[in-house]
Amino acid sequence: MAQVALTNRFKQDLLIDAAGGARPNVSGKNIEKITIPLPPPSRTKKIADLLTSIDYEIEKELDHKEQLETLKKRFNAGIINWKNTCSSVIVRAIQLRS
């Protein structure tokens, strides 16, 4: 719809019956007179099917991203625990040597 509204044809159709000088007044009747070309139903269905499949793929990618973020958090937590454990072992070893 936005692409149609940006065309010169649309602007001409909209302003053809507009009243006024520097700022023409566009009435609801003027807008109702404008015809907007639509693709045939078969083409519309193909477009809708394509958009649906894209939405599905986006949803899959978002789920995968969420799984990776969870895995990263667990990994980072594991590293922190490992570092704390190693630090404790090293401190304990130093204490035993002394």
C-alpha atoms as a PDB file:
ATOM      1  CA  MET A   1       0.000   0.000   0.000  1.00  0.00           C
ATOM      2  CA  ALA A   2       2.801   2.408   0.871  1.00  0.00           C
ATOM      3  CA  GLN A   3       4.405   1.824  -2.524  1.00  0.00           C
ATOM      4  CA  VAL A   4       1.129   2.613  -4.276  1.00  0.00           C
ATOM      5  CA  ALA A   5       0.698   5.803  -2.234  1.00  0.00           C
ATOM      6  CA  LEU A   6       4.137   7.010  -3.351  1.00  0.00           C
ATOM      7  CA  THR A   7       3.391   6.738  -7.077  1.00  0.00           C
ATOM      8  CA  ASN A   8       2.667   9.809  -9.194  1.00  0.00           C
ATOM      9  CA  ARG A   9      -0.501   8.131 -10.473  1.00  0.00           C
ATOM     10  CA  PHE A  10      -1.877   7.811  -6.939  1.00  0.00           C
ATOM     11  CA  LYS A  11      -1.061  11.445  -6.151  1.00  0.00           C
ATOM     12  CA  GLN A  12      -2.710  12.606  -9.358  1.00  0.00           C
ATOM     13  CA  ASP A  13      -5.829  10.532  -8.713  1.00  0.00           C
ATOM     14  CA  LEU A  14      -6.012  11.850  -5.177  1.00  0.00           C
ATOM     15  CA  LEU A  15      -5.591  15.507  -6.087  1.00  0.00           C
ATOM     16  CA  ILE A  16      -7.686  15.554  -9.293  1.00  0.00           C
ATOM     17  CA  ASP A  17     -10.898  16.551  -7.501  1.00  0.00           C
ATOM     18  CA  ALA A  18      -9.280  18.193  -4.482  1.00  0.00           C
ATOM     19  CA  ALA A  19     -10.514  21.667  -3.626  1.00  0.00           C
ATOM     20  CA  GLY A  20      -8.384  24.498  -2.358  1.00  0.00           C
ATOM     21  CA  GLY A  21      -5.331  26.507  -3.303  1.00  0.00           C
ATOM     22  CA  ALA A  22      -1.883  25.975  -1.815  1.00  0.00           C
ATOM     23  CA  ARG A  23      -3.086  23.086   0.370  1.00  0.00           C
ATOM     24  CA  PRO A  24      -5.784  21.143  -1.475  1.00  0.00           C
ATOM     25  CA  ASN A  25      -8.502  19.549   0.635  1.00  0.00           C
ATOM     26  CA  VAL A  26      -8.869  15.821  -0.015  1.00  0.00           C
ATOM     27  CA  SER A  27     -12.246  14.448   1.026  1.00  0.00           C
ATOM     28  CA  GLY A  28     -13.191  10.915   1.935  1.00  0.00           C
ATOM     29  CA  LYS A  29     -15.179  10.701  -1.315  1.00  0.00           C
ATOM     30  CA  ASN A  30     -12.017  11.508  -3.282  1.00  0.00           C
ATOM     31  CA  ILE A  31     -10.212   8.696  -1.503  1.00  0.00           C
ATOM     32  CA  GLU A  32     -13.070   6.251  -2.105  1.00  0.00           C
ATOM     33  CA  LYS A  33     -12.890   6.917  -5.857  1.00  0.00           C
ATOM     34  CA  ILE A  34      -9.278   5.778  -6.103  1.00  0.00           C
ATOM     35  CA  THR A  35      -8.758   2.246  -7.324  1.00  0.00           C
ATOM     36  CA  ILE A  36      -5.753   0.383  -6.015  1.00  0.00           C
ATOM     37  CA  PRO A  37      -4.463  -2.408  -8.241  1.00  0.00           C
ATOM     38  CA  LEU A  38      -4.283  -5.753  -6.464  1.00  0.00           C
ATOM     39  CA  PRO A  39      -2.597  -8.906  -7.704  1.00  0.00           C
ATOM     40  CA  PRO A  40      -4.822 -11.852  -8.630  1.00  0.00           C
ATOM     41  CA  PRO A  41      -5.769 -14.218  -5.771  1.00  0.00           C
ATOM     42  CA  SER A  42      -3.346 -16.908  -6.954  1.00  0.00           C
ATOM     43  CA  ARG A  43      -0.456 -14.439  -6.748  1.00  0.00           C
ATOM     44  CA  THR A  44      -1.666 -13.187  -3.363  1.00  0.00           C
ATOM     45  CA  LYS A  45      -1.706 -16.776  -2.069  1.00  0.00           C
ATOM     46  CA  LYS A  46       1.848 -17.368  -3.296  1.00  0.00           C
ATOM     47  CA  ILE A  47       2.983 -14.201  -1.542  1.00  0.00           C
ATOM     48  CA  ALA A  48       1.184 -15.191   1.670  1.00  0.00           C
ATOM     49  CA  ASP A  49       2.681 -18.705   1.543  1.00  0.00           C
ATOM     50  CA  LEU A  50       6.156 -17.272   1.033  1.00  0.00           C
ATOM     51  CA  LEU A  51       5.758 -14.844   3.941  1.00  0.00           C
ATOM     52  CA  THR A  52       4.445 -17.665   6.146  1.00  0.00           C
ATOM     53  CA  SER A  53       7.472 -19.824   5.359  1.00  0.00           C
ATOM     54  CA  ILE A  54       9.795 -16.882   6.084  1.00  0.00           C
ATOM     55  CA  ASP A  55       8.041 -16.321   9.427  1.00  0.00           C
ATOM     56  CA  TYR A  56       8.510 -20.016  10.250  1.00  0.00           C
ATOM     57  CA  GLU A  57      12.247 -19.839   9.439  1.00  0.00           C
ATOM     58  CA  ILE A  58      12.654 -16.688  11.535  1.00  0.00           C
ATOM     59  CA  GLU A  59      10.921 -18.395  14.455  1.00  0.00           C
ATOM     60  CA  LYS A  60      13.236 -21.418  14.128  1.00  0.00           C
ATOM     61  CA  GLU A  61      16.292 -19.144  14.101  1.00  0.00           C
ATOM     62  CA  LEU A  62      15.065 -17.250  17.167  1.00  0.00           C
ATOM     63  CA  ASP A  63      14.542 -20.545  19.020  1.00  0.00           C
ATOM     64  CA  HIS A  64      18.037 -21.684  18.013  1.00  0.00           C
ATOM     65  CA  LYS A  65      19.512 -18.376  19.168  1.00  0.00           C
ATOM     66  CA  GLU A  66      17.770 -18.759  22.525  1.00  0.00           C
ATOM     67  CA  GLN A  67      19.168 -22.284  22.906  1.00  0.00           C
ATOM     68  CA  LEU A  68      22.674 -21.029  22.133  1.00  0.00           C
ATOM     69  CA  GLU A  69      22.345 -18.182  24.637  1.00  0.00           C
ATOM     70  CA  THR A  70      21.270 -20.665  27.328  1.00  0.00           C
ATOM     71  CA  LEU A  71      24.206 -22.913  26.444  1.00  0.00           C
ATOM     72  CA  LYS A  72      26.585 -19.949  26.624  1.00  0.00           C
ATOM     73  CA  LYS A  73      25.296 -18.987  30.087  1.00  0.00           C
ATOM     74  CA  ARG A  74      25.781 -22.568  31.330  1.00  0.00           C
ATOM     75  CA  PHE A  75      29.247 -22.711  29.810  1.00  0.00           C
ATOM     76  CA  ASN A  76      30.263 -19.406  31.405  1.00  0.00           C
ATOM     77  CA  ALA A  77      28.886 -20.529  34.762  1.00  0.00           C
ATOM     78  CA  GLY A  78      30.856 -23.767  34.417  1.00  0.00           C
ATOM     79  CA  ILE A  79      34.062 -21.862  33.700  1.00  0.00           C
ATOM     80  CA  ILE A  80      33.530 -19.659  36.750  1.00  0.00           C
ATOM     81  CA  ASN A  81      32.927 -22.733  38.934  1.00  0.00           C
ATOM     82  CA  TRP A  82      36.000 -24.426  37.462  1.00  0.00           C
ATOM     83  CA  LYS A  83      38.142 -21.327  38.086  1.00  0.00           C
ATOM     84  CA  ASN A  84      36.890 -21.107  41.679  1.00  0.00           C
ATOM     85  CA  THR A  85      37.604 -24.801  42.215  1.00  0.00           C
ATOM     86  CA  CYS A  86      41.100 -24.494  40.724  1.00  0.00           C
ATOM     87  CA  SER A  87      41.808 -21.411  42.839  1.00  0.00           C
ATOM     88  CA  SER A  88      40.733 -23.259  45.970  1.00  0.00           C
ATOM     89  CA  VAL A  89      42.898 -26.257  45.111  1.00  0.00           C
ATOM     90  CA  ILE A  90      45.926 -24.032  44.403  1.00  0.00           C
ATOM     91  CA  VAL A  91      45.441 -22.078  47.630  1.00  0.00           C
ATOM     92  CA  ARG A  92      45.079 -25.320  49.577  1.00  0.00           C
ATOM     93  CA  ALA A  93      48.225 -26.751  47.945  1.00  0.00           C
ATOM     94  CA  ILE A  94      50.208 -23.624  48.841  1.00  0.00           C
ATOM     95  CA  GLN A  95      48.952 -23.806  52.409  1.00  0.00           C
ATOM     96  CA  LEU A  96      50.000 -27.446  52.661  1.00  0.00           C
ATOM     97  CA  ARG A  97      53.517 -26.647  51.394  1.00  0.00           C
ATOM     98  CA  SER A  98      53.988 -23.912  53.926  1.00  0.00           C
END
